[in-house]
Structures are given as C-alpha cells and as structure tokens.
Amino acid sequence: MSESTKVPLAPGLSATLSFVVPESKTVPQLYPEAPEFQTMPAVFATGFMVGLIEWACMRAIAPCLDVPAEQSVGIDVRLDHTAATPPGLTVTVNARLVRVEGRKLAFEVSAHDGVDQICTGTHERFVIDTARFAARAREKAKKAGV
C-alpha cells in the first residue's frame, strides 16, 4: 500500500472478529507438555483469547499500515476473562482504537460468546518497521548463542 492510500491512524478505527472455538483452542491444548493444563476443563483458554484480541486489533489498523514492511506488535494486555466458553460457541471480539501516541496504539476491547460477555479490557500495540525489528531479534539470538 502506498503512503498516499493508507488510512490515517486515528482514534475510532475499529474491527469486529468472530471465531468458532475449536477443541484445539481449549486450556488442555495451550501447552500440551504441561501436565497442569491437562486436567483442566476443555474451555476457551485465556492465552488463546489474548491472541484473538490481538488479531482483532491488528485487523482494525490493517488499512493504516504498509504490511509486511510495517506491522504492529503487542506491548500490553489487560483483560478480565469472566466467563468460560466451551468449544463450538462463536466468540465475537470488538476492538476500538482509542488513543494514538506516535507509534503506540491503545485499544478498548471486549468479547462475547453468544451467551455471556466473556472479556473486557485494554490492549496496546506498537507500530514497527518489520525489517529493523527482525534484525534486532536476530542480533539478540546471536548474543544469546542460539
């Protein structure tokens, strides 16, 4: 997307994302190698919900970024996960950009599973230059010897 066709990053941008929860997104599947998770009920895992929230926020700002050269990464998540969602239900996430501070973006988010409000909270993202970000990650891995 050229600079001239990008939508400006501004409060009010929003997205709604619906997702049918499969068995593979339940608590026992979050870290299959963790025995502590294996005895938990098979309901939508908070860890997967975080990813769904991020996805909705990314979708809200997609018209504003020159993907893949420019993307965003999550930097803060504050969610209240207040109700269990069994597989088969559809979770609908609403994300709304409420603040832009340079490259730092703040969202208000909520999720509903068709029966209950299951989540409310905030999420922050930071717009990155993908190549520069990847180069820093490679350098860090090199310093760590991996």
Foldseek 3Di string as FASTA:
>chain_A
DDQVQADADDFFQKFKDKDQAALCQFQCNPDVVDPVSVVDDSWHDPVVVVVVQVVRVQVSRVSHDPPPQKGKDWDDWDKDFADTHHGGFMKMKMWTWHDDDPQKTKIWMWIDRVPGGGMTTMTIMGMDRVVVVVVVVVVVCVVVVD
